[in-house]
């Protein structure tokens, strides 16, 4: 894996009553995203001690690849459905490898 690839950590916290629906929406993003050009890694994690806590760990070949991902139909649909199901705004951070 080239170290100049872009890394992303995207954390979402579901409302307790919406855990299953949020999980379903997020799981639905995994396969289409992994098929996108420029996607190197796209993993969905759920916190073992707090099932409301979901985190995507991602690696992209470039900012352009990530920006293209954010404009896909499956992401736009998820973004339209998630706000009412989340306890707070998603925390999405872009990183570069230091060493």
PDB file of N, CA and C in Angstrom:
ATOM      1  N   UNK A   1       0.835  -1.183   0.000  1.00  0.00           N
ATOM      2  CA  UNK A   1       0.000   0.000   0.000  1.00  0.00           C
ATOM      3  C   UNK A   1       0.881   1.247   0.000  1.00  0.00           C
ATOM      4  N   UNK A   2       0.740   2.070  -0.982  1.00  0.00           N
ATOM      5  CA  UNK A   2       1.534   3.303  -0.988  1.00  0.00           C
ATOM      6  C   UNK A   2       1.174   4.193   0.192  1.00  0.00           C
ATOM      7  N   UNK A   3       2.185   4.791   0.797  1.00  0.00           N
ATOM      8  CA  UNK A   3       1.935   5.618   1.976  1.00  0.00           C
ATOM      9  C   UNK A   3       1.303   6.962   1.641  1.00  0.00           C
ATOM     10  N   UNK A   4       1.283   7.352   0.369  1.00  0.00           N
ATOM     11  CA  UNK A   4       0.686   8.636   0.022  1.00  0.00           C
ATOM     12  C   UNK A   4      -0.822   8.540  -0.173  1.00  0.00           C
ATOM     13  N   UNK A   5      -1.391   7.334  -0.030  1.00  0.00           N
ATOM     14  CA  UNK A   5      -2.837   7.204  -0.126  1.00  0.00           C
ATOM     15  C   UNK A   5      -3.511   7.959   1.008  1.00  0.00           C
ATOM     16  N   UNK A   6      -4.717   8.400   0.745  1.00  0.00           N
ATOM     17  CA  UNK A   6      -5.535   9.120   1.713  1.00  0.00           C
ATOM     18  C   UNK A   6      -6.234   8.124   2.630  1.00  0.00           C
ATOM     19  N   UNK A   7      -6.194   8.377   3.918  1.00  0.00           N
ATOM     20  CA  UNK A   7      -6.921   7.559   4.888  1.00  0.00           C
ATOM     21  C   UNK A   7      -8.090   8.382   5.424  1.00  0.00           C
ATOM     22  N   UNK A   8      -9.191   7.697   5.703  1.00  0.00           N
ATOM     23  CA  UNK A   8     -10.384   8.353   6.244  1.00  0.00           C
ATOM     24  C   UNK A   8     -10.908   7.519   7.399  1.00  0.00           C
ATOM     25  N   UNK A   9     -11.298   8.203   8.468  1.00  0.00           N
ATOM     26  CA  UNK A   9     -12.014   7.579   9.577  1.00  0.00           C
ATOM     27  C   UNK A   9     -13.330   8.334   9.698  1.00  0.00           C
ATOM     28  N   UNK A  10     -14.427   7.603   9.529  1.00  0.00           N
ATOM     29  CA  UNK A  10     -15.757   8.223   9.561  1.00  0.00           C
ATOM     30  C   UNK A  10     -16.584   7.530  10.637  1.00  0.00           C
ATOM     31  N   UNK A  11     -16.907   8.281  11.684  1.00  0.00           N
ATOM     32  CA  UNK A  11     -17.626   7.715  12.833  1.00  0.00           C
ATOM     33  C   UNK A  11     -19.044   8.257  12.885  1.00  0.00           C
ATOM     34  N   UNK A  12     -19.996   7.336  13.114  1.00  0.00           N
ATOM     35  CA  UNK A  12     -21.397   7.695  13.247  1.00  0.00           C
ATOM     36  C   UNK A  12     -21.969   7.032  14.488  1.00  0.00           C
ATOM     37  N   UNK A  13     -22.798   7.757  15.210  1.00  0.00           N
ATOM     38  CA  UNK A  13     -23.428   7.222  16.417  1.00  0.00           C
ATOM     39  C   UNK A  13     -24.938   7.206  16.180  1.00  0.00           C
ATOM     40  N   UNK A  14     -25.494   5.998  16.207  1.00  0.00           N
ATOM     41  CA  UNK A  14     -26.925   5.811  15.975  1.00  0.00           C
ATOM     42  C   UNK A  14     -27.723   6.146  17.220  1.00  0.00           C
ATOM     43  N   UNK A  15     -28.949   6.599  17.016  1.00  0.00           N
ATOM     44  CA  UNK A  15     -29.887   6.653  18.132  1.00  0.00           C
ATOM     45  C   UNK A  15     -30.110   5.212  18.580  1.00  0.00           C
ATOM     46  N   UNK A  16     -30.218   4.962  19.888  1.00  0.00           N
ATOM     47  CA  UNK A  16     -30.341   3.576  20.370  1.00  0.00           C
ATOM     48  C   UNK A  16     -31.464   2.778  19.708  1.00  0.00           C
ATOM     49  N   UNK A  17     -32.574   3.425  19.429  1.00  0.00           N
ATOM     50  CA  UNK A  17     -33.699   2.713  18.817  1.00  0.00           C
ATOM     51  C   UNK A  17     -33.510   2.492  17.318  1.00  0.00           C
ATOM     52  N   UNK A  18     -32.455   3.053  16.734  1.00  0.00           N
ATOM     53  CA  UNK A  18     -32.234   2.968  15.283  1.00  0.00           C
ATOM     54  C   UNK A  18     -30.994   2.156  14.912  1.00  0.00           C
ATOM     55  N   UNK A  19     -30.423   1.424  15.860  1.00  0.00           N
ATOM     56  CA  UNK A  19     -29.175   0.687  15.603  1.00  0.00           C
ATOM     57  C   UNK A  19     -29.318  -0.239  14.392  1.00  0.00           C
ATOM     58  N   UNK A  20     -30.367  -1.035  14.358  1.00  0.00           N
ATOM     59  CA  UNK A  20     -30.517  -2.004  13.267  1.00  0.00           C
ATOM     60  C   UNK A  20     -30.681  -1.319  11.917  1.00  0.00           C
ATOM     61  N   UNK A  21     -31.441  -0.239  11.878  1.00  0.00           N
ATOM     62  CA  UNK A  21     -31.651   0.480  10.621  1.00  0.00           C
ATOM     63  C   UNK A  21     -30.370   1.160  10.155  1.00  0.00           C
ATOM     64  N   UNK A  22     -29.634   1.766  11.068  1.00  0.00           N
ATOM     65  CA  UNK A  22     -28.356   2.388  10.713  1.00  0.00           C
ATOM     66  C   UNK A  22     -27.387   1.317  10.217  1.00  0.00           C
ATOM     67  N   UNK A  23     -27.295   0.201  10.925  1.00  0.00           N
ATOM     68  CA  UNK A  23     -26.408  -0.885  10.494  1.00  0.00           C
ATOM     69  C   UNK A  23     -26.769  -1.333   9.077  1.00  0.00           C
ATOM     70  N   UNK A  24     -28.034  -1.493   8.801  1.00  0.00           N
ATOM     71  CA  UNK A  24     -28.479  -1.930   7.481  1.00  0.00           C
ATOM     72  C   UNK A  24     -28.067  -0.933   6.386  1.00  0.00           C
ATOM     73  N   UNK A  25     -28.263   0.340   6.642  1.00  0.00           N
ATOM     74  CA  UNK A  25     -27.877   1.373   5.670  1.00  0.00           C
ATOM     75  C   UNK A  25     -26.374   1.346   5.440  1.00  0.00           C
ATOM     76  N   UNK A  26     -25.608   1.283   6.519  1.00  0.00           N
ATOM     77  CA  UNK A  26     -24.148   1.327   6.398  1.00  0.00           C
ATOM     78  C   UNK A  26     -23.594   0.064   5.737  1.00  0.00           C
ATOM     79  N   UNK A  27     -24.120  -1.095   6.090  1.00  0.00           N
ATOM     80  CA  UNK A  27     -23.682  -2.341   5.448  1.00  0.00           C
ATOM     81  C   UNK A  27     -23.953  -2.279   3.946  1.00  0.00           C
ATOM     82  N   UNK A  28     -25.058  -1.649   3.571  1.00  0.00           N
ATOM     83  CA  UNK A  28     -25.408  -1.510   2.157  1.00  0.00           C
ATOM     84  C   UNK A  28     -24.427  -0.660   1.362  1.00  0.00           C
ATOM     85  N   UNK A  29     -23.594   0.104   2.033  1.00  0.00           N
ATOM     86  CA  UNK A  29     -22.602   0.936   1.353  1.00  0.00           C
ATOM     87  C   UNK A  29     -21.317   0.179   1.030  1.00  0.00           C
ATOM     88  N   UNK A  30     -21.054  -0.906   1.739  1.00  0.00           N
ATOM     89  CA  UNK A  30     -19.741  -1.552   1.670  1.00  0.00           C
ATOM     90  C   UNK A  30     -19.434  -2.099   0.281  1.00  0.00           C
ATOM     91  N   UNK A  31     -20.242  -2.970  -0.260  1.00  0.00           N
ATOM     92  CA  UNK A  31     -19.914  -3.603  -1.540  1.00  0.00           C
ATOM     93  C   UNK A  31     -19.851  -2.614  -2.699  1.00  0.00           C
ATOM     94  N   UNK A  32     -20.849  -1.713  -2.860  1.00  0.00           N
ATOM     95  CA  UNK A  32     -20.722  -0.776  -3.982  1.00  0.00           C
ATOM     96  C   UNK A  32     -19.517   0.146  -3.847  1.00  0.00           C
ATOM     97  N   UNK A  33     -19.166   0.503  -2.625  1.00  0.00           N
ATOM     98  CA  UNK A  33     -18.011   1.380  -2.432  1.00  0.00           C
ATOM     99  C   UNK A  33     -16.721   0.646  -2.746  1.00  0.00           C
ATOM    100  N   UNK A  34     -16.607  -0.588  -2.316  1.00  0.00           N
ATOM    101  CA  UNK A  34     -15.388  -1.362  -2.602  1.00  0.00           C
ATOM    102  C   UNK A  34     -15.161  -1.531  -4.104  1.00  0.00           C
ATOM    103  N   UNK A  35     -16.212  -1.452  -4.891  1.00  0.00           N
ATOM    104  CA  UNK A  35     -16.103  -1.591  -6.347  1.00  0.00           C
ATOM    105  C   UNK A  35     -15.741  -0.275  -7.038  1.00  0.00           C
ATOM    106  N   UNK A  36     -15.714   0.825  -6.308  1.00  0.00           N
ATOM    107  CA  UNK A  36     -15.431   2.128  -6.915  1.00  0.00           C
ATOM    108  C   UNK A  36     -13.953   2.270  -7.286  1.00  0.00           C
ATOM    109  N   UNK A  37     -13.678   2.970  -8.390  1.00  0.00           N
ATOM    110  CA  UNK A  37     -12.283   3.264  -8.732  1.00  0.00           C
ATOM    111  C   UNK A  37     -11.620   4.059  -7.609  1.00  0.00           C
ATOM    112  N   UNK A  38     -10.407   3.696  -7.253  1.00  0.00           N
ATOM    113  CA  UNK A  38      -9.662   4.436  -6.241  1.00  0.00           C
ATOM    114  C   UNK A  38      -9.871   3.977  -4.820  1.00  0.00           C
ATOM    115  N   UNK A  39     -10.808   3.059  -4.589  1.00  0.00           N
ATOM    116  CA  UNK A  39     -11.031   2.530  -3.237  1.00  0.00           C
ATOM    117  C   UNK A  39     -10.030   1.416  -2.982  1.00  0.00           C
ATOM    118  N   UNK A  40      -9.217   1.578  -1.945  1.00  0.00           N
ATOM    119  CA  UNK A  40      -8.219   0.568  -1.572  1.00  0.00           C
ATOM    120  C   UNK A  40      -8.741  -0.275  -0.414  1.00  0.00           C
ATOM    121  N   UNK A  41      -9.286   0.376   0.618  1.00  0.00           N
ATOM    122  CA  UNK A  41      -9.834  -0.302   1.797  1.00  0.00           C
ATOM    123  C   UNK A  41     -11.114   0.420   2.202  1.00  0.00           C
ATOM    124  N   UNK A  42     -12.140  -0.354   2.535  1.00  0.00           N
ATOM    125  CA  UNK A  42     -13.389   0.224   3.025  1.00  0.00           C
ATOM    126  C   UNK A  42     -13.986  -0.789   3.988  1.00  0.00           C
ATOM    127  N   UNK A  43     -13.812  -0.556   5.291  1.00  0.00           N
ATOM    128  CA  UNK A  43     -14.267  -1.474   6.323  1.00  0.00           C
ATOM    129  C   UNK A  43     -15.234  -0.772   7.260  1.00  0.00           C
ATOM    130  N   UNK A  44     -16.296  -1.469   7.611  1.00  0.00           N
ATOM    131  CA  UNK A  44     -17.261  -0.962   8.576  1.00  0.00           C
ATOM    132  C   UNK A  44     -17.060  -1.704   9.889  1.00  0.00           C
ATOM    133  N   UNK A  45     -16.881  -0.941  10.960  1.00  0.00           N
ATOM    134  CA  UNK A  45     -16.698  -1.492  12.305  1.00  0.00           C
ATOM    135  C   UNK A  45     -17.868  -1.079  13.185  1.00  0.00           C
ATOM    136  N   UNK A  46     -18.208  -1.944  14.144  1.00  0.00           N
ATOM    137  CA  UNK A  46     -19.198  -1.611  15.168  1.00  0.00           C
ATOM    138  C   UNK A  46     -18.550  -1.864  16.518  1.00  0.00           C
ATOM    139  N   UNK A  47     -18.633  -0.891  17.392  1.00  0.00           N
ATOM    140  CA  UNK A  47     -18.004  -0.941  18.708  1.00  0.00           C
ATOM    141  C   UNK A  47     -18.592  -2.091  19.533  1.00  0.00           C
ATOM    142  N   UNK A  48     -17.713  -2.941  20.056  1.00  0.00           N
ATOM    143  CA  UNK A  48     -18.163  -4.090  20.860  1.00  0.00           C
ATOM    144  C   UNK A  48     -18.842  -3.681  22.159  1.00  0.00           C
ATOM    145  N   UNK A  49     -18.422  -2.580  22.764  1.00  0.00           N
ATOM    146  CA  UNK A  49     -19.006  -2.180  24.041  1.00  0.00           C
ATOM    147  C   UNK A  49     -20.101  -1.120  23.903  1.00  0.00           C
ATOM    148  N   UNK A  50     -20.264  -0.567  22.699  1.00  0.00           N
ATOM    149  CA  UNK A  50     -21.308   0.432  22.462  1.00  0.00           C
ATOM    150  C   UNK A  50     -21.871   0.207  21.061  1.00  0.00           C
ATOM    151  N   UNK A  51     -22.939  -0.565  20.939  1.00  0.00           N
ATOM    152  CA  UNK A  51     -23.459  -0.923  19.614  1.00  0.00           C
ATOM    153  C   UNK A  51     -24.018   0.250  18.816  1.00  0.00           C
ATOM    154  N   UNK A  52     -24.146   1.419  19.418  1.00  0.00           N
ATOM    155  CA  UNK A  52     -24.601   2.585  18.657  1.00  0.00           C
ATOM    156  C   UNK A  52     -23.465   3.207  17.838  1.00  0.00           C
ATOM    157  N   UNK A  53     -22.231   2.802  18.126  1.00  0.00           N
ATOM    158  CA  UNK A  53     -21.025   3.427  17.567  1.00  0.00           C
ATOM    159  C   UNK A  53     -20.520   2.644  16.352  1.00  0.00           C
ATOM    160  N   UNK A  54     -20.609   3.270  15.170  1.00  0.00           N
ATOM    161  CA  UNK A  54     -20.147   2.672  13.912  1.00  0.00           C
ATOM    162  C   UNK A  54     -19.005   3.516  13.354  1.00  0.00           C
ATOM    163  N   UNK A  55     -18.000   2.857  12.785  1.00  0.00           N
ATOM    164  CA  UNK A  55     -16.873   3.573  12.213  1.00  0.00           C
ATOM    165  C   UNK A  55     -16.456   2.913  10.901  1.00  0.00           C
ATOM    166  N   UNK A  56     -16.307   3.746   9.873  1.00  0.00           N
ATOM    167  CA  UNK A  56     -15.691   3.296   8.627  1.00  0.00           C
ATOM    168  C   UNK A  56     -14.214   3.625   8.698  1.00  0.00           C
ATOM    169  N   UNK A  57     -13.372   2.659   8.320  1.00  0.00           N
ATOM    170  CA  UNK A  57     -11.944   2.874   8.151  1.00  0.00           C
ATOM    171  C   UNK A  57     -11.702   2.705   6.654  1.00  0.00           C
ATOM    172  N   UNK A  58     -11.187   3.750   6.030  1.00  0.00           N
ATOM    173  CA  UNK A  58     -11.102   3.784   4.576  1.00  0.00           C
ATOM    174  C   UNK A  58      -9.701   4.155   4.109  1.00  0.00           C
ATOM    175  N   UNK A  59      -9.363   3.683   2.914  1.00  0.00           N
ATOM    176  CA  UNK A  59      -8.147   4.130   2.243  1.00  0.00           C
ATOM    177  C   UNK A  59      -8.504   4.372   0.782  1.00  0.00           C
ATOM    178  N   UNK A  60      -8.094   5.529   0.297  1.00  0.00           N
ATOM    179  CA  UNK A  60      -8.385   5.960  -1.071  1.00  0.00           C
ATOM    180  C   UNK A  60      -7.084   6.322  -1.776  1.00  0.00           C
ATOM    181  N   UNK A  61      -7.049   6.120  -3.074  1.00  0.00           N
ATOM    182  CA  UNK A  61      -5.859   6.448  -3.850  1.00  0.00           C
ATOM    183  C   UNK A  61      -5.595   7.953  -3.903  1.00  0.00           C
ATOM    184  N   UNK A  62      -6.659   8.765  -3.740  1.00  0.00           N
ATOM    185  CA  UNK A  62      -6.496  10.219  -3.846  1.00  0.00           C
ATOM    186  C   UNK A  62      -7.713  10.934  -3.275  1.00  0.00           C
ATOM    187  N   UNK A  63      -7.548  12.235  -3.076  1.00  0.00           N
ATOM    188  CA  UNK A  63      -8.691  13.069  -2.677  1.00  0.00           C
ATOM    189  C   UNK A  63      -9.769  13.030  -3.751  1.00  0.00           C
ATOM    190  N   UNK A  64      -9.351  12.999  -5.011  1.00  0.00           N
ATOM    191  CA  UNK A  64     -10.320  12.973  -6.116  1.00  0.00           C
ATOM    192  C   UNK A  64     -11.169  11.702  -6.063  1.00  0.00           C
ATOM    193  N   UNK A  65     -10.550  10.564  -5.742  1.00  0.00           N
ATOM    194  CA  UNK A  65     -11.306   9.315  -5.638  1.00  0.00           C
ATOM    195  C   UNK A  65     -12.320   9.385  -4.498  1.00  0.00           C
ATOM    196  N   UNK A  66     -11.906   9.952  -3.368  1.00  0.00           N
ATOM    197  CA  UNK A  66     -12.833  10.110  -2.248  1.00  0.00           C
ATOM    198  C   UNK A  66     -13.953  11.076  -2.610  1.00  0.00           C
ATOM    199  N   UNK A  67     -13.622  12.180  -3.249  1.00  0.00           N
ATOM    200  CA  UNK A  67     -14.654  13.147  -3.649  1.00  0.00           C
ATOM    201  C   UNK A  67     -15.662  12.514  -4.613  1.00  0.00           C
ATOM    202  N   UNK A  68     -15.176  11.669  -5.528  1.00  0.00           N
ATOM    203  CA  UNK A  68     -16.078  10.969  -6.448  1.00  0.00           C
ATOM    204  C   UNK A  68     -16.991  10.027  -5.662  1.00  0.00           C
ATOM    205  N   UNK A  69     -16.428   9.335  -4.678  1.00  0.00           N
ATOM    206  CA  UNK A  69     -17.213   8.439  -3.815  1.00  0.00           C
ATOM    207  C   UNK A  69     -18.342   9.199  -3.121  1.00  0.00           C
ATOM    208  N   UNK A  70     -18.033  10.380  -2.622  1.00  0.00           N
ATOM    209  CA  UNK A  70     -19.030  11.157  -1.883  1.00  0.00           C
ATOM    210  C   UNK A  70     -20.166  11.652  -2.766  1.00  0.00           C
ATOM    211  N   UNK A  71     -19.994  11.599  -4.083  1.00  0.00           N
ATOM    212  CA  UNK A  71     -21.056  12.042  -4.987  1.00  0.00           C
ATOM    213  C   UNK A  71     -21.824  10.882  -5.616  1.00  0.00           C
ATOM    214  N   UNK A  72     -21.526   9.638  -5.215  1.00  0.00           N
ATOM    215  CA  UNK A  72     -22.237   8.488  -5.786  1.00  0.00           C
ATOM    216  C   UNK A  72     -23.674   8.426  -5.276  1.00  0.00           C
ATOM    217  N   UNK A  73     -24.498   7.736  -6.031  1.00  0.00           N
ATOM    218  CA  UNK A  73     -25.912   7.607  -5.671  1.00  0.00           C
ATOM    219  C   UNK A  73     -26.090   6.899  -4.332  1.00  0.00           C
ATOM    220  N   UNK A  74     -25.309   5.840  -4.065  1.00  0.00           N
ATOM    221  CA  UNK A  74     -25.503   5.108  -2.800  1.00  0.00           C
ATOM    222  C   UNK A  74     -25.123   5.960  -1.591  1.00  0.00           C
ATOM    223  N   UNK A  75     -24.117   6.796  -1.724  1.00  0.00           N
ATOM    224  CA  UNK A  75     -23.755   7.691  -0.616  1.00  0.00           C
ATOM    225  C   UNK A  75     -24.792   8.800  -0.467  1.00  0.00           C
ATOM    226  N   UNK A  76     -25.228   9.377  -1.574  1.00  0.00           N
ATOM    227  CA  UNK A  76     -26.254  10.438  -1.490  1.00  0.00           C
ATOM    228  C   UNK A  76     -27.533   9.918  -0.836  1.00  0.00           C
ATOM    229  N   UNK A  77     -27.919   8.689  -1.182  1.00  0.00           N
ATOM    230  CA  UNK A  77     -29.127   8.115  -0.576  1.00  0.00           C
ATOM    231  C   UNK A  77     -28.943   7.906   0.921  1.00  0.00           C
ATOM    232  N   UNK A  78     -27.785   7.364   1.319  1.00  0.00           N
ATOM    233  CA  UNK A  78     -27.523   7.151   2.745  1.00  0.00           C
ATOM    234  C   UNK A  78     -27.525   8.479   3.498  1.00  0.00           C
ATOM    235  N   UNK A  79     -26.895   9.485   2.919  1.00  0.00           N
ATOM    236  CA  UNK A  79     -26.838  10.807   3.556  1.00  0.00           C
ATOM    237  C   UNK A  79     -28.238  11.384   3.743  1.00  0.00           C
ATOM    238  N   UNK A  80     -29.142  11.080   2.835  1.00  0.00           N
ATOM    239  CA  UNK A  80     -30.511  11.589   2.979  1.00  0.00           C
ATOM    240  C   UNK A  80     -31.291  10.842   4.059  1.00  0.00           C
ATOM    241  N   UNK A  81     -30.938   9.581   4.325  1.00  0.00           N
ATOM    242  CA  UNK A  81     -31.678   8.768   5.298  1.00  0.00           C
ATOM    243  C   UNK A  81     -31.119   8.822   6.717  1.00  0.00           C
ATOM    244  N   UNK A  82     -29.816   9.033   6.857  1.00  0.00           N
ATOM    245  CA  UNK A  82     -29.175   8.897   8.160  1.00  0.00           C
ATOM    246  C   UNK A  82     -29.454   9.996   9.187  1.00  0.00           C
ATOM    247  N   UNK A  83     -29.588  11.262   8.817  1.00  0.00           N
ATOM    248  CA  UNK A  83     -29.684  12.296   9.862  1.00  0.00           C
ATOM    249  C   UNK A  83     -30.746  12.042  10.928  1.00  0.00           C
ATOM    250  N   UNK A  84     -31.887  11.556  10.553  1.00  0.00           N
ATOM    251  CA  UNK A  84     -32.955  11.313  11.537  1.00  0.00           C
ATOM    252  C   UNK A  84     -32.651  10.118  12.432  1.00  0.00           C
ATOM    253  N   UNK A  85     -31.671   9.300  12.044  1.00  0.00           N
ATOM    254  CA  UNK A  85     -31.361   8.076  12.779  1.00  0.00           C
ATOM    255  C   UNK A  85     -30.121   8.190  13.653  1.00  0.00           C
ATOM    256  N   UNK A  86     -29.380   9.285  13.493  1.00  0.00           N
ATOM    257  CA  UNK A  86     -28.125   9.461  14.217  1.00  0.00           C
ATOM    258  C   UNK A  86     -28.296  10.374  15.425  1.00  0.00           C
ATOM    259  N   UNK A  87     -27.515  10.106  16.469  1.00  0.00           N
ATOM    260  CA  UNK A  87     -27.550  10.901  17.697  1.00  0.00           C
ATOM    261  C   UNK A  87     -26.861  12.247  17.520  1.00  0.00           C
ATOM    262  N   UNK A  88     -25.920  12.321  16.565  1.00  0.00           N
ATOM    263  CA  UNK A  88     -25.209  13.571  16.283  1.00  0.00           C
ATOM    264  C   UNK A  88     -24.632  13.515  14.871  1.00  0.00           C
ATOM    265  N   UNK A  89     -24.085  14.622  14.449  1.00  0.00           N
ATOM    266  CA  UNK A  89     -23.474  14.706  13.122  1.00  0.00           C
ATOM    267  C   UNK A  89     -22.340  13.685  12.996  1.00  0.00           C
ATOM    268  N   UNK A  90     -22.181  13.061  11.826  1.00  0.00           N
ATOM    269  CA  UNK A  90     -21.031  12.171  11.630  1.00  0.00           C
ATOM    270  C   UNK A  90     -19.717  12.937  11.794  1.00  0.00           C
ATOM    271  N   UNK A  91     -18.710  12.244  12.289  1.00  0.00           N
ATOM    272  CA  UNK A  91     -17.373  12.811  12.449  1.00  0.00           C
ATOM    273  C   UNK A  91     -16.486  12.150  11.385  1.00  0.00           C
ATOM    274  N   UNK A  92     -16.184  12.886  10.324  1.00  0.00           N
ATOM    275  CA  UNK A  92     -15.431  12.347   9.186  1.00  0.00           C
ATOM    276  C   UNK A  92     -14.121  13.102   9.091  1.00  0.00           C
ATOM    277  N   UNK A  93     -13.009  12.341   9.163  1.00  0.00           N
ATOM    278  CA  UNK A  93     -11.692  12.947   9.172  1.00  0.00           C
ATOM    279  C   UNK A  93     -10.806  12.321   8.111  1.00  0.00           C
ATOM    280  N   UNK A  94     -10.056  13.182   7.398  1.00  0.00           N
ATOM    281  CA  UNK A  94      -9.101  12.743   6.379  1.00  0.00           C
ATOM    282  C   UNK A  94      -7.683  12.804   6.975  1.00  0.00           C
ATOM    283  N   UNK A  95      -6.915  11.746   6.706  1.00  0.00           N
ATOM    284  CA  UNK A  95      -5.554  11.651   7.254  1.00  0.00           C
ATOM    285  C   UNK A  95      -4.554  11.327   6.156  1.00  0.00           C
ATOM    286  N   UNK A  96      -3.315  11.733   6.402  1.00  0.00           N
ATOM    287  CA  UNK A  96      -2.163  11.318   5.606  1.00  0.00           C
ATOM    288  C   UNK A  96      -1.230  10.542   6.508  1.00  0.00           C
ATOM    289  N   UNK A  97      -0.548   9.557   5.940  1.00  0.00           N
ATOM    290  CA  UNK A  97       0.415   8.770   6.720  1.00  0.00           C
ATOM    291  C   UNK A  97       1.635   9.633   6.987  1.00  0.00           C
ATOM    292  N   UNK A  98       2.069   9.692   8.230  1.00  0.00           N
ATOM    293  CA  UNK A  98       3.253  10.454   8.628  1.00  0.00           C
ATOM    294  C   UNK A  98       4.495   9.598   8.461  1.00  0.00           C
ATOM    295  N   UNK A  99       4.442   8.379   8.950  1.00  0.00           N
ATOM    296  CA  UNK A  99       5.587   7.483   8.841  1.00  0.00           C
ATOM    297  C   UNK A  99       5.136   6.044   8.809  1.00  0.00           C
TER     298      UNK A  99
END
